[in-house]
Amino acid sequence: MLQLEGQPIMLRMRVLLITIAAMAAATAASAQVKCTMPNGVTITRQLGNCPHDAVAAFSLDGQPLAKPSETPEGQRALEQIKQHKDAQENAEQERIKAAHEAKLKEWQQESAEKKKLEQKRLTDNYIALHGNSCHTLSLPRHRCEVQTSSFRGNYVILKTHILEHDIDSSCKQAAGKLRDQLLNGRGAKDWKVRIVYTPTGATISECAI
């Protein structure tokens, strides 16, 4: 214990301040720890707490201390980090799932719309070609007929008893006239013009409308 009785007051104050400073320095030093981080770097921390991911902890005099991950505070910090990470991963999985479901729904809607448009196109083609092809080509019934089949396809059949030199050009001209006058210039891949040689019944030319 300090003996300050009988000393001048200024001297007693100086001794008291020196004593307080020494005690504070000793307390600060005792509160410092050295922490070895995962990258091998050693850092000094105040208040005796190393970061939760430190791999080792030592007092300033080199005495080993409990790893931060083994202390209650460190375990709580690690648990909080794990919970935060799990929440982020779950949120990301939910975002990806929602994006996939939205894309699937969009594809399904597009597919349904395409099927609807395709069905309308087929119906329009049937109405236009089935009832008007022979009239558009200015051919009588004995020289022109329309045959439709879901298995064999749809045909505008032109009949001739003459073997023309360039029968394929005649076929393409007839198909082009049907496209221009009945289909507004668009094609009809499910329909064809077929030219039949009547003496034998053989197909001598065939082309897409």
Protein backbone atom coordinates (compact mmCIF):
# COMPACT_ATOMS: atom_id res chain seq x y z
CA MET A 1 0.00 0.00 0.00
CA LEU A 2 1.24 3.49 -0.84
CA GLN A 3 2.40 5.55 2.13
CA LEU A 4 1.39 9.15 1.31
CA GLU A 5 0.70 10.47 4.83
CA GLY A 6 2.86 13.47 5.66
CA GLN A 7 3.89 14.05 2.04
CA PRO A 8 3.15 17.33 0.27
CA ILE A 9 -0.20 17.28 -1.51
CA MET A 10 1.34 17.78 -5.00
CA LEU A 11 3.63 14.81 -4.50
CA ARG A 12 0.75 12.68 -3.33
CA MET A 13 -1.28 13.63 -6.43
CA ARG A 14 1.60 12.74 -8.76
CA VAL A 15 2.06 9.35 -7.13
CA LEU A 16 -1.66 8.68 -7.31
CA LEU A 17 -1.83 9.56 -11.03
CA ILE A 18 1.18 7.37 -11.80
CA THR A 19 -0.42 4.48 -9.94
CA ILE A 20 -3.73 4.87 -11.82
CA ALA A 21 -1.92 5.02 -15.18
CA ALA A 22 0.08 1.89 -14.36
CA MET A 23 -3.07 0.03 -13.34
CA ALA A 24 -4.83 1.10 -16.55
CA ALA A 25 -1.88 -0.03 -18.68
CA ALA A 26 -1.79 -3.38 -16.89
CA THR A 27 -5.55 -3.82 -17.40
CA ALA A 28 -5.28 -2.95 -21.11
CA ALA A 29 -2.38 -5.33 -21.57
CA SER A 30 -4.24 -8.13 -19.85
CA ALA A 31 -7.24 -7.48 -22.13
CA GLN A 32 -5.20 -7.89 -25.30
CA VAL A 33 -4.93 -11.19 -27.15
CA LYS A 34 -3.06 -12.36 -30.23
CA CYS A 35 -5.22 -14.02 -32.86
CA THR A 36 -3.95 -16.26 -35.66
CA MET A 37 -6.17 -15.87 -38.70
CA PRO A 38 -6.85 -18.51 -41.43
CA ASN A 39 -4.34 -16.81 -43.76
CA GLY A 40 -1.58 -17.23 -41.16
CA VAL A 41 -1.44 -13.55 -40.16
CA THR A 42 -1.40 -12.80 -36.42
CA ILE A 43 -3.30 -9.77 -35.22
CA THR A 44 -3.69 -8.22 -31.76
CA ARG A 45 -7.15 -7.48 -30.49
CA GLN A 46 -8.38 -5.51 -27.51
CA LEU A 47 -10.90 -6.68 -24.94
CA GLY A 48 -9.75 -10.29 -25.25
CA ASN A 49 -11.97 -11.23 -28.19
CA CYS A 50 -10.60 -12.77 -31.40
CA PRO A 51 -12.64 -12.87 -34.60
CA HIS A 52 -14.86 -15.94 -34.75
CA ASP A 53 -12.87 -17.41 -37.67
CA ALA A 54 -9.47 -17.19 -35.93
CA VAL A 55 -7.72 -20.56 -35.84
CA ALA A 56 -5.83 -19.89 -32.59
CA ALA A 57 -5.71 -17.38 -29.73
CA PHE A 58 -2.89 -16.54 -27.30
CA SER A 59 -2.37 -14.11 -24.46
CA LEU A 60 0.38 -11.52 -24.83
CA ASP A 61 2.72 -13.71 -22.81
CA GLY A 62 2.15 -16.60 -25.25
CA GLN A 63 -0.28 -18.70 -23.22
CA PRO A 64 -2.78 -20.53 -25.46
CA LEU A 65 -6.41 -19.54 -25.06
CA ALA A 66 -9.61 -21.24 -26.15
CA LYS A 67 -10.32 -20.93 -29.87
CA PRO A 68 -13.01 -18.35 -30.60
CA SER A 69 -15.15 -21.06 -32.19
CA GLU A 70 -15.01 -23.02 -28.91
CA THR A 71 -16.19 -20.18 -26.69
CA PRO A 72 -19.91 -19.54 -26.09
CA GLU A 73 -19.62 -16.17 -27.83
CA GLY A 74 -17.87 -17.72 -30.80
CA GLN A 75 -20.37 -20.52 -31.09
CA ARG A 76 -23.23 -18.03 -31.02
CA ALA A 77 -21.52 -15.98 -33.74
CA LEU A 78 -20.96 -19.07 -35.90
CA GLU A 79 -24.57 -20.14 -35.43
CA GLN A 80 -25.79 -16.69 -36.44
CA ILE A 81 -23.55 -16.76 -39.52
CA LYS A 82 -24.83 -20.23 -40.44
CA GLN A 83 -28.44 -19.12 -40.03
CA HIS A 84 -27.80 -16.04 -42.16
CA LYS A 85 -26.07 -18.14 -44.84
CA ASP A 86 -28.88 -20.71 -44.82
CA ALA A 87 -31.46 -17.93 -45.14
CA GLN A 88 -29.59 -16.44 -48.09
CA GLU A 89 -29.28 -19.84 -49.79
CA ASN A 90 -32.98 -20.57 -49.22
CA ALA A 91 -33.91 -17.16 -50.59
CA GLU A 92 -31.74 -17.75 -53.67
CA GLN A 93 -33.28 -21.20 -54.22
CA GLU A 94 -36.76 -19.70 -53.93
CA ARG A 95 -35.80 -16.97 -56.41
CA ILE A 96 -34.45 -19.52 -58.89
CA LYS A 97 -37.54 -21.71 -58.43
CA ALA A 98 -39.87 -18.76 -58.96
CA ALA A 99 -37.93 -17.71 -62.08
CA HIS A 100 -38.12 -21.25 -63.51
CA GLU A 101 -41.85 -21.49 -62.78
CA ALA A 102 -42.47 -18.10 -64.39
CA LYS A 103 -40.45 -19.12 -67.47
CA LEU A 104 -42.29 -22.44 -67.70
CA LYS A 105 -45.62 -20.66 -67.49
CA GLU A 106 -44.48 -18.24 -70.20
CA TRP A 107 -43.42 -21.15 -72.44
CA GLN A 108 -46.72 -22.91 -71.84
CA GLN A 109 -48.65 -19.76 -72.75
CA GLU A 110 -46.54 -19.24 -75.86
CA SER A 111 -47.02 -22.89 -76.84
CA ALA A 112 -50.78 -22.65 -76.35
CA GLU A 113 -50.91 -19.45 -78.40
CA LYS A 114 -48.82 -21.02 -81.18
CA LYS A 115 -51.06 -24.08 -81.24
CA LYS A 116 -54.13 -21.86 -81.37
CA LEU A 117 -52.68 -19.80 -84.23
CA GLU A 118 -51.60 -22.93 -86.07
CA GLN A 119 -55.06 -24.46 -85.74
CA LYS A 120 -56.62 -21.24 -87.02
CA ARG A 121 -54.21 -21.24 -89.98
CA LEU A 122 -55.09 -24.83 -90.84
CA THR A 123 -58.80 -24.05 -90.63
CA ASP A 124 -58.43 -20.93 -92.78
CA ASN A 125 -56.40 -22.88 -95.35
CA TYR A 126 -59.03 -25.62 -95.49
CA ILE A 127 -61.88 -23.17 -95.96
CA ALA A 128 -60.05 -21.23 -98.64
CA LEU A 129 -58.62 -24.14 -100.64
CA HIS A 130 -61.25 -26.82 -100.26
CA GLY A 131 -64.12 -24.81 -101.67
CA ASN A 132 -62.40 -22.39 -104.04
CA SER A 133 -59.33 -23.98 -105.65
CA CYS A 134 -60.94 -25.33 -108.82
CA HIS A 135 -62.93 -22.14 -109.37
CA THR A 136 -59.79 -20.03 -108.87
CA LEU A 137 -57.92 -22.12 -111.45
CA SER A 138 -60.93 -21.88 -113.83
CA LEU A 139 -61.08 -25.66 -114.23
CA PRO A 140 -64.23 -27.79 -114.56
CA ARG A 141 -64.96 -30.54 -112.06
CA HIS A 142 -63.86 -33.34 -114.35
CA ARG A 143 -60.40 -31.77 -114.53
CA CYS A 144 -60.03 -30.65 -110.91
CA GLU A 145 -60.92 -32.03 -107.51
CA VAL A 146 -59.83 -31.55 -103.91
CA GLN A 147 -58.92 -34.47 -101.66
CA THR A 148 -58.22 -34.10 -97.95
CA SER A 149 -56.97 -36.68 -95.48
CA SER A 150 -55.37 -36.42 -92.04
CA PHE A 151 -53.15 -39.36 -93.03
CA ARG A 152 -52.45 -38.81 -96.73
CA GLY A 153 -52.45 -35.02 -96.76
CA ASN A 154 -54.44 -32.40 -98.62
CA TYR A 155 -54.29 -32.11 -102.40
CA VAL A 156 -55.68 -30.00 -105.16
CA ILE A 157 -55.65 -32.60 -107.96
CA LEU A 158 -55.42 -31.41 -111.54
CA LYS A 159 -56.15 -33.93 -114.28
CA THR A 160 -54.69 -33.84 -117.77
CA HIS A 161 -54.48 -36.17 -120.75
CA ILE A 162 -51.59 -34.24 -122.27
CA LEU A 163 -47.97 -34.83 -121.31
CA GLU A 164 -46.52 -31.35 -121.27
CA HIS A 165 -42.81 -30.80 -121.78
CA ASP A 166 -42.47 -28.69 -118.60
CA ILE A 167 -45.24 -30.05 -116.39
CA ASP A 168 -43.46 -28.99 -113.17
CA SER A 169 -43.66 -25.34 -114.20
CA SER A 170 -47.41 -25.74 -114.71
CA CYS A 171 -47.70 -27.24 -111.25
CA LYS A 172 -45.80 -24.33 -109.63
CA GLN A 173 -47.84 -21.77 -111.55
CA ALA A 174 -51.09 -23.31 -110.28
CA ALA A 175 -49.75 -23.39 -106.69
CA GLY A 176 -48.62 -19.77 -106.95
CA LYS A 177 -52.03 -18.65 -108.20
CA LEU A 178 -53.76 -20.39 -105.28
CA ARG A 179 -51.36 -18.75 -102.78
CA ASP A 180 -51.83 -15.28 -104.25
CA GLN A 181 -55.60 -15.33 -104.64
CA LEU A 182 -56.75 -17.49 -101.75
CA LEU A 183 -54.05 -17.28 -99.04
CA ASN A 184 -52.89 -13.66 -99.33
CA GLY A 185 -49.50 -14.81 -100.58
CA ARG A 186 -48.68 -17.10 -97.67
CA GLY A 187 -47.78 -20.74 -98.08
CA ALA A 188 -49.77 -23.75 -96.94
CA LYS A 189 -47.26 -26.52 -96.23
CA ASP A 190 -50.08 -28.95 -95.45
CA TRP A 191 -51.47 -28.56 -98.99
CA LYS A 192 -50.06 -29.57 -102.38
CA VAL A 193 -50.97 -29.40 -106.03
CA ARG A 194 -50.83 -32.79 -107.72
CA ILE A 195 -51.09 -33.27 -111.49
CA VAL A 196 -52.40 -36.65 -112.60
CA TYR A 197 -52.10 -38.13 -116.10
CA THR A 198 -55.65 -39.44 -116.70
CA PRO A 199 -54.89 -42.27 -119.14
CA THR A 200 -52.85 -44.10 -116.50
CA GLY A 201 -53.80 -42.36 -113.27
CA ALA A 202 -50.10 -41.72 -112.53
CA THR A 203 -48.91 -38.61 -110.71
CA ILE A 204 -46.64 -36.71 -113.08
CA SER A 205 -45.96 -33.63 -110.92
CA GLU A 206 -46.44 -32.47 -107.38
CA CYS A 207 -45.59 -29.19 -105.64
CA ALA A 208 -46.32 -27.39 -102.36
CA ILE A 209 -48.80 -24.57 -102.26
